[in-house]
PDB file of N, CA and C in Angstrom:
ATOM      1  N   UNK A   1       0.849  -1.180   0.000  1.00  0.00           N
ATOM      2  CA  UNK A   1       0.000   0.000   0.000  1.00  0.00           C
ATOM      3  C   UNK A   1       0.889   1.236   0.000  1.00  0.00           C
ATOM      4  N   UNK A   2       0.564   2.169  -0.848  1.00  0.00           N
ATOM      5  CA  UNK A   2       1.281   3.435  -0.897  1.00  0.00           C
ATOM      6  C   UNK A   2       0.629   4.423   0.048  1.00  0.00           C
ATOM      7  N   UNK A   3       1.426   5.340   0.558  1.00  0.00           N
ATOM      8  CA  UNK A   3       0.922   6.391   1.433  1.00  0.00           C
ATOM      9  C   UNK A   3       1.209   7.727   0.771  1.00  0.00           C
ATOM     10  N   UNK A   4       0.190   8.577   0.723  1.00  0.00           N
ATOM     11  CA  UNK A   4       0.322   9.889   0.117  1.00  0.00           C
ATOM     12  C   UNK A   4      -0.109  10.942   1.124  1.00  0.00           C
ATOM     13  N   UNK A   5       0.383  12.131   0.951  1.00  0.00           N
ATOM     14  CA  UNK A   5       0.007  13.244   1.804  1.00  0.00           C
ATOM     15  C   UNK A   5      -1.008  14.094   1.065  1.00  0.00           C
ATOM     16  N   UNK A   6      -2.036  14.497   1.774  1.00  0.00           N
ATOM     17  CA  UNK A   6      -3.077  15.327   1.211  1.00  0.00           C
ATOM     18  C   UNK A   6      -3.080  16.654   1.954  1.00  0.00           C
ATOM     19  N   UNK A   7      -3.046  17.740   1.230  1.00  0.00           N
ATOM     20  CA  UNK A   7      -3.063  19.065   1.860  1.00  0.00           C
ATOM     21  C   UNK A   7      -4.486  19.601   1.868  1.00  0.00           C
ATOM     22  N   UNK A   8      -4.961  19.955   3.052  1.00  0.00           N
ATOM     23  CA  UNK A   8      -6.280  20.565   3.202  1.00  0.00           C
ATOM     24  C   UNK A   8      -6.113  21.902   3.895  1.00  0.00           C
ATOM     25  N   UNK A   9      -6.962  22.854   3.523  1.00  0.00           N
ATOM     26  CA  UNK A   9      -6.921  24.113   4.264  1.00  0.00           C
ATOM     27  C   UNK A   9      -7.507  23.860   5.654  1.00  0.00           C
ATOM     28  N   UNK A  10      -7.309  24.820   6.539  1.00  0.00           N
ATOM     29  CA  UNK A  10      -7.715  24.665   7.939  1.00  0.00           C
ATOM     30  C   UNK A  10      -9.210  24.358   8.078  1.00  0.00           C
ATOM     31  N   UNK A  11     -10.031  25.068   7.331  1.00  0.00           N
ATOM     32  CA  UNK A  11     -11.484  24.896   7.410  1.00  0.00           C
ATOM     33  C   UNK A  11     -11.883  23.460   7.070  1.00  0.00           C
ATOM     34  N   UNK A  12     -11.353  22.929   5.969  1.00  0.00           N
ATOM     35  CA  UNK A  12     -11.721  21.588   5.543  1.00  0.00           C
ATOM     36  C   UNK A  12     -11.138  20.515   6.462  1.00  0.00           C
ATOM     37  N   UNK A  13      -9.933  20.748   6.952  1.00  0.00           N
ATOM     38  CA  UNK A  13      -9.347  19.777   7.875  1.00  0.00           C
ATOM     39  C   UNK A  13     -10.173  19.703   9.156  1.00  0.00           C
ATOM     40  N   UNK A  14     -10.555  20.857   9.699  1.00  0.00           N
ATOM     41  CA  UNK A  14     -11.353  20.873  10.933  1.00  0.00           C
ATOM     42  C   UNK A  14     -12.711  20.197  10.710  1.00  0.00           C
ATOM     43  N   UNK A  15     -13.310  20.430   9.567  1.00  0.00           N
ATOM     44  CA  UNK A  15     -14.597  19.791   9.264  1.00  0.00           C
ATOM     45  C   UNK A  15     -14.442  18.270   9.212  1.00  0.00           C
ATOM     46  N   UNK A  16     -13.376  17.808   8.575  1.00  0.00           N
ATOM     47  CA  UNK A  16     -13.111  16.366   8.515  1.00  0.00           C
ATOM     48  C   UNK A  16     -12.810  15.817   9.904  1.00  0.00           C
ATOM     49  N   UNK A  17     -12.093  16.567  10.690  1.00  0.00           N
ATOM     50  CA  UNK A  17     -11.736  16.133  12.041  1.00  0.00           C
ATOM     51  C   UNK A  17     -12.981  15.994  12.923  1.00  0.00           C
ATOM     52  N   UNK A  18     -13.883  16.971  12.854  1.00  0.00           N
ATOM     53  CA  UNK A  18     -15.108  16.941  13.659  1.00  0.00           C
ATOM     54  C   UNK A  18     -15.980  15.754  13.249  1.00  0.00           C
ATOM     55  N   UNK A  19     -16.176  15.577  11.951  1.00  0.00           N
ATOM     56  CA  UNK A  19     -17.012  14.476  11.464  1.00  0.00           C
ATOM     57  C   UNK A  19     -16.378  13.132  11.813  1.00  0.00           C
ATOM     58  N   UNK A  20     -15.068  13.023  11.643  1.00  0.00           N
ATOM     59  CA  UNK A  20     -14.361  11.781  11.961  1.00  0.00           C
ATOM     60  C   UNK A  20     -14.510  11.432  13.429  1.00  0.00           C
ATOM     61  N   UNK A  21     -14.341  12.407  14.285  1.00  0.00           N
ATOM     62  CA  UNK A  21     -14.457  12.177  15.723  1.00  0.00           C
ATOM     63  C   UNK A  21     -15.854  11.672  16.077  1.00  0.00           C
ATOM     64  N   UNK A  22     -16.875  12.263  15.455  1.00  0.00           N
ATOM     65  CA  UNK A  22     -18.253  11.845  15.710  1.00  0.00           C
ATOM     66  C   UNK A  22     -18.493  10.394  15.286  1.00  0.00           C
ATOM     67  N   UNK A  23     -17.734   9.944  14.304  1.00  0.00           N
ATOM     68  CA  UNK A  23     -17.872   8.576  13.805  1.00  0.00           C
ATOM     69  C   UNK A  23     -16.872   7.621  14.440  1.00  0.00           C
ATOM     70  N   UNK A  24     -16.035   8.130  15.344  1.00  0.00           N
ATOM     71  CA  UNK A  24     -15.037   7.286  15.991  1.00  0.00           C
ATOM     72  C   UNK A  24     -13.886   6.912  15.076  1.00  0.00           C
ATOM     73  N   UNK A  25     -13.559   7.802  14.157  1.00  0.00           N
ATOM     74  CA  UNK A  25     -12.490   7.561  13.186  1.00  0.00           C
ATOM     75  C   UNK A  25     -11.467   8.680  13.252  1.00  0.00           C
ATOM     76  N   UNK A  26     -10.321   8.432  12.636  1.00  0.00           N
ATOM     77  CA  UNK A  26      -9.343   9.494  12.429  1.00  0.00           C
ATOM     78  C   UNK A  26      -9.770  10.277  11.189  1.00  0.00           C
ATOM     79  N   UNK A  27      -9.259  11.496  11.012  1.00  0.00           N
ATOM     80  CA  UNK A  27      -9.601  12.225   9.783  1.00  0.00           C
ATOM     81  C   UNK A  27      -9.220  11.435   8.519  1.00  0.00           C
ATOM     82  N   UNK A  28      -8.087  10.768   8.550  1.00  0.00           N
ATOM     83  CA  UNK A  28      -7.669   9.965   7.391  1.00  0.00           C
ATOM     84  C   UNK A  28      -8.623   8.811   7.114  1.00  0.00           C
ATOM     85  N   UNK A  29      -9.062   8.137   8.170  1.00  0.00           N
ATOM     86  CA  UNK A  29     -10.016   7.031   7.998  1.00  0.00           C
ATOM     87  C   UNK A  29     -11.344   7.544   7.457  1.00  0.00           C
ATOM     88  N   UNK A  30     -11.760   8.696   7.966  1.00  0.00           N
ATOM     89  CA  UNK A  30     -13.009   9.285   7.493  1.00  0.00           C
ATOM     90  C   UNK A  30     -12.925   9.636   6.007  1.00  0.00           C
ATOM     91  N   UNK A  31     -11.847  10.284   5.600  1.00  0.00           N
ATOM     92  CA  UNK A  31     -11.686  10.651   4.191  1.00  0.00           C
ATOM     93  C   UNK A  31     -11.605   9.408   3.311  1.00  0.00           C
ATOM     94  N   UNK A  32     -10.929   8.365   3.796  1.00  0.00           N
ATOM     95  CA  UNK A  32     -10.855   7.107   3.043  1.00  0.00           C
ATOM     96  C   UNK A  32     -12.248   6.511   2.870  1.00  0.00           C
ATOM     97  N   UNK A  33     -13.088   6.587   3.923  1.00  0.00           N
ATOM     98  CA  UNK A  33     -14.442   6.040   3.817  1.00  0.00           C
ATOM     99  C   UNK A  33     -15.264   6.816   2.785  1.00  0.00           C
ATOM    100  N   UNK A  34     -15.023   8.127   2.676  1.00  0.00           N
ATOM    101  CA  UNK A  34     -15.724   8.908   1.649  1.00  0.00           C
ATOM    102  C   UNK A  34     -15.319   8.467   0.249  1.00  0.00           C
ATOM    103  N   UNK A  35     -14.039   8.226   0.073  1.00  0.00           N
ATOM    104  CA  UNK A  35     -13.544   7.778  -1.232  1.00  0.00           C
ATOM    105  C   UNK A  35     -14.104   6.400  -1.549  1.00  0.00           C
ATOM    106  N   UNK A  36     -14.085   5.498  -0.565  1.00  0.00           N
ATOM    107  CA  UNK A  36     -14.616   4.155  -0.778  1.00  0.00           C
ATOM    108  C   UNK A  36     -16.103   4.205  -1.111  1.00  0.00           C
ATOM    109  N   UNK A  37     -16.844   5.049  -0.410  1.00  0.00           N
ATOM    110  CA  UNK A  37     -18.282   5.169  -0.660  1.00  0.00           C
ATOM    111  C   UNK A  37     -18.546   5.697  -2.059  1.00  0.00           C
ATOM    112  N   UNK A  38     -17.705   6.615  -2.517  1.00  0.00           N
ATOM    113  CA  UNK A  38     -17.865   7.201  -3.840  1.00  0.00           C
ATOM    114  C   UNK A  38     -17.644   6.170  -4.935  1.00  0.00           C
ATOM    115  N   UNK A  39     -16.920   5.101  -4.638  1.00  0.00           N
ATOM    116  CA  UNK A  39     -16.614   4.082  -5.626  1.00  0.00           C
ATOM    117  C   UNK A  39     -17.601   2.921  -5.622  1.00  0.00           C
ATOM    118  N   UNK A  40     -18.665   3.023  -4.801  1.00  0.00           N
ATOM    119  CA  UNK A  40     -19.655   1.952  -4.775  1.00  0.00           C
ATOM    120  C   UNK A  40     -20.529   2.012  -6.021  1.00  0.00           C
ATOM    121  N   UNK A  41     -21.013   0.845  -6.428  1.00  0.00           N
ATOM    122  CA  UNK A  41     -21.947   0.796  -7.555  1.00  0.00           C
ATOM    123  C   UNK A  41     -23.330   1.210  -7.063  1.00  0.00           C
ATOM    124  N   UNK A  42     -24.209   1.514  -7.989  1.00  0.00           N
ATOM    125  CA  UNK A  42     -25.575   1.881  -7.637  1.00  0.00           C
ATOM    126  C   UNK A  42     -26.252   0.726  -6.902  1.00  0.00           C
ATOM    127  N   UNK A  43     -25.989  -0.510  -7.328  1.00  0.00           N
ATOM    128  CA  UNK A  43     -26.552  -1.677  -6.643  1.00  0.00           C
ATOM    129  C   UNK A  43     -26.068  -1.759  -5.200  1.00  0.00           C
ATOM    130  N   UNK A  44     -24.800  -1.448  -4.953  1.00  0.00           N
ATOM    131  CA  UNK A  44     -24.268  -1.479  -3.586  1.00  0.00           C
ATOM    132  C   UNK A  44     -24.913  -0.394  -2.721  1.00  0.00           C
ATOM    133  N   UNK A  45     -25.145   0.765  -3.303  1.00  0.00           N
ATOM    134  CA  UNK A  45     -25.765   1.860  -2.569  1.00  0.00           C
ATOM    135  C   UNK A  45     -27.217   1.514  -2.208  1.00  0.00           C
ATOM    136  N   UNK A  46     -27.929   0.882  -3.137  1.00  0.00           N
ATOM    137  CA  UNK A  46     -29.337   0.563  -2.916  1.00  0.00           C
ATOM    138  C   UNK A  46     -29.572  -0.718  -2.129  1.00  0.00           C
ATOM    139  N   UNK A  47     -28.557  -1.529  -1.914  1.00  0.00           N
ATOM    140  CA  UNK A  47     -28.727  -2.827  -1.246  1.00  0.00           C
ATOM    141  C   UNK A  47     -29.468  -2.723   0.090  1.00  0.00           C
ATOM    142  N   UNK A  48     -29.110  -1.796   0.991  1.00  0.00           N
ATOM    143  CA  UNK A  48     -29.850  -1.723   2.260  1.00  0.00           C
ATOM    144  C   UNK A  48     -31.334  -1.396   2.071  1.00  0.00           C
ATOM    145  N   UNK A  49     -31.652  -0.511   1.130  1.00  0.00           N
ATOM    146  CA  UNK A  49     -33.052  -0.170   0.883  1.00  0.00           C
ATOM    147  C   UNK A  49     -33.800  -1.366   0.321  1.00  0.00           C
ATOM    148  N   UNK A  50     -33.159  -2.080  -0.582  1.00  0.00           N
ATOM    149  CA  UNK A  50     -33.806  -3.267  -1.157  1.00  0.00           C
ATOM    150  C   UNK A  50     -34.080  -4.318  -0.095  1.00  0.00           C
ATOM    151  N   UNK A  51     -33.149  -4.495   0.829  1.00  0.00           N
ATOM    152  CA  UNK A  51     -33.361  -5.458   1.912  1.00  0.00           C
ATOM    153  C   UNK A  51     -34.561  -5.045   2.757  1.00  0.00           C
ATOM    154  N   UNK A  52     -34.690  -3.741   2.996  1.00  0.00           N
ATOM    155  CA  UNK A  52     -35.823  -3.249   3.760  1.00  0.00           C
ATOM    156  C   UNK A  52     -37.143  -3.509   3.059  1.00  0.00           C
ATOM    157  N   UNK A  53     -37.179  -3.290   1.754  1.00  0.00           N
ATOM    158  CA  UNK A  53     -38.404  -3.549   0.996  1.00  0.00           C
ATOM    159  C   UNK A  53     -38.715  -5.036   0.936  1.00  0.00           C
ATOM    160  N   UNK A  54     -37.691  -5.884   0.893  1.00  0.00           N
ATOM    161  CA  UNK A  54     -37.915  -7.330   0.864  1.00  0.00           C
ATOM    162  C   UNK A  54     -38.652  -7.803   2.111  1.00  0.00           C
ATOM    163  N   UNK A  55     -38.461  -7.110   3.229  1.00  0.00           N
ATOM    164  CA  UNK A  55     -39.086  -7.500   4.491  1.00  0.00           C
ATOM    165  C   UNK A  55     -40.494  -6.936   4.645  1.00  0.00           C
ATOM    166  N   UNK A  56     -40.866  -5.971   3.792  1.00  0.00           N
ATOM    167  CA  UNK A  56     -42.176  -5.317   3.919  1.00  0.00           C
ATOM    168  C   UNK A  56     -43.258  -6.145   3.240  1.00  0.00           C
ATOM    169  N   UNK A  57     -44.416  -6.238   3.874  1.00  0.00           N
ATOM    170  CA  UNK A  57     -45.557  -6.887   3.210  1.00  0.00           C
ATOM    171  C   UNK A  57     -45.971  -6.080   1.977  1.00  0.00           C
ATOM    172  N   UNK A  58     -46.526  -6.779   0.992  1.00  0.00           N
ATOM    173  CA  UNK A  58     -46.949  -6.110  -0.243  1.00  0.00           C
ATOM    174  C   UNK A  58     -47.930  -4.977   0.030  1.00  0.00           C
ATOM    175  N   UNK A  59     -48.823  -5.164   0.983  1.00  0.00           N
ATOM    176  CA  UNK A  59     -49.813  -4.122   1.288  1.00  0.00           C
ATOM    177  C   UNK A  59     -49.123  -2.847   1.771  1.00  0.00           C
ATOM    178  N   UNK A  60     -48.046  -2.980   2.551  1.00  0.00           N
ATOM    179  CA  UNK A  60     -47.314  -1.801   3.026  1.00  0.00           C
ATOM    180  C   UNK A  60     -46.603  -1.096   1.879  1.00  0.00           C
ATOM    181  N   UNK A  61     -46.063  -1.869   0.970  1.00  0.00           N
ATOM    182  CA  UNK A  61     -45.392  -1.281  -0.202  1.00  0.00           C
ATOM    183  C   UNK A  61     -46.412  -0.547  -1.064  1.00  0.00           C
ATOM    184  N   UNK A  62     -47.590  -1.166  -1.267  1.00  0.00           N
ATOM    185  CA  UNK A  62     -48.643  -0.512  -2.038  1.00  0.00           C
ATOM    186  C   UNK A  62     -49.069   0.799  -1.382  1.00  0.00           C
ATOM    187  N   UNK A  63     -49.213   0.786  -0.064  1.00  0.00           N
ATOM    188  CA  UNK A  63     -49.597   1.995   0.674  1.00  0.00           C
ATOM    189  C   UNK A  63     -48.528   3.083   0.524  1.00  0.00           C
ATOM    190  N   UNK A  64     -47.276   2.706   0.640  1.00  0.00           N
ATOM    191  CA  UNK A  64     -46.173   3.655   0.488  1.00  0.00           C
ATOM    192  C   UNK A  64     -46.178   4.275  -0.903  1.00  0.00           C
ATOM    193  N   UNK A  65     -46.357   3.433  -1.920  1.00  0.00           N
ATOM    194  CA  UNK A  65     -46.395   3.921  -3.303  1.00  0.00           C
ATOM    195  C   UNK A  65     -47.570   4.872  -3.511  1.00  0.00           C
ATOM    196  N   UNK A  66     -48.734   4.513  -2.979  1.00  0.00           N
ATOM    197  CA  UNK A  66     -49.922   5.359  -3.139  1.00  0.00           C
ATOM    198  C   UNK A  66     -49.755   6.707  -2.453  1.00  0.00           C
ATOM    199  N   UNK A  67     -49.151   6.714  -1.265  1.00  0.00           N
ATOM    200  CA  UNK A  67     -48.913   7.983  -0.569  1.00  0.00           C
ATOM    201  C   UNK A  67     -47.908   8.844  -1.331  1.00  0.00           C
ATOM    202  N   UNK A  68     -46.907   8.214  -1.913  1.00  0.00           N
ATOM    203  CA  UNK A  68     -45.911   8.964  -2.697  1.00  0.00           C
ATOM    204  C   UNK A  68     -46.554   9.573  -3.937  1.00  0.00           C
ATOM    205  N   UNK A  69     -47.403   8.805  -4.605  1.00  0.00           N
ATOM    206  CA  UNK A  69     -48.108   9.335  -5.779  1.00  0.00           C
ATOM    207  C   UNK A  69     -48.985  10.527  -5.402  1.00  0.00           C
ATOM    208  N   UNK A  70     -49.726  10.370  -4.306  1.00  0.00           N
ATOM    209  CA  UNK A  70     -50.618  11.439  -3.858  1.00  0.00           C
ATOM    210  C   UNK A  70     -49.821  12.707  -3.542  1.00  0.00           C
ATOM    211  N   UNK A  71     -48.701  12.548  -2.855  1.00  0.00           N
ATOM    212  CA  UNK A  71     -47.857  13.697  -2.517  1.00  0.00           C
ATOM    213  C   UNK A  71     -47.294  14.356  -3.770  1.00  0.00           C
ATOM    214  N   UNK A  72     -46.879  13.546  -4.737  1.00  0.00           N
ATOM    215  CA  UNK A  72     -46.313  14.089  -5.967  1.00  0.00           C
ATOM    216  C   UNK A  72     -47.371  14.848  -6.762  1.00  0.00           C
ATOM    217  N   UNK A  73     -48.573  14.305  -6.788  1.00  0.00           N
ATOM    218  CA  UNK A  73     -49.657  14.971  -7.524  1.00  0.00           C
ATOM    219  C   UNK A  73     -50.047  16.296  -6.864  1.00  0.00           C
ATOM    220  N   UNK A  74     -50.028  16.326  -5.535  1.00  0.00           N
ATOM    221  CA  UNK A  74     -50.403  17.573  -4.853  1.00  0.00           C
ATOM    222  C   UNK A  74     -49.334  18.645  -5.044  1.00  0.00           C
ATOM    223  N   UNK A  75     -48.080  18.240  -5.162  1.00  0.00           N
ATOM    224  CA  UNK A  75     -47.001  19.213  -5.425  1.00  0.00           C
ATOM    225  C   UNK A  75     -47.053  19.722  -6.856  1.00  0.00           C
ATOM    226  N   UNK A  76     -47.544  18.902  -7.793  1.00  0.00           N
ATOM    227  CA  UNK A  76     -47.581  19.283  -9.205  1.00  0.00           C
ATOM    228  C   UNK A  76     -48.690  20.289  -9.503  1.00  0.00           C
ATOM    229  N   UNK A  77     -49.652  20.403  -8.599  1.00  0.00           N
ATOM    230  CA  UNK A  77     -50.788  21.314  -8.857  1.00  0.00           C
ATOM    231  C   UNK A  77     -50.409  22.738  -8.634  1.00  0.00           C
TER     232      UNK A  77
END
């Protein structure tokens, strides 16, 4: 594995440091996780949502879809 140095201005470094600390990571680990996340496929990104829908009864999915349609139609008016 190669190691590279990344230069960040103070504002961006502090932002990364605060977010990393909240996640229990170092700033470097946090930035690496952002890069790794950016390289995920669309299927990998949607996998958790798909698992959630797989567990939902069809009636709940139908209700969710109907509420979304109703909301979209009311916004379009």
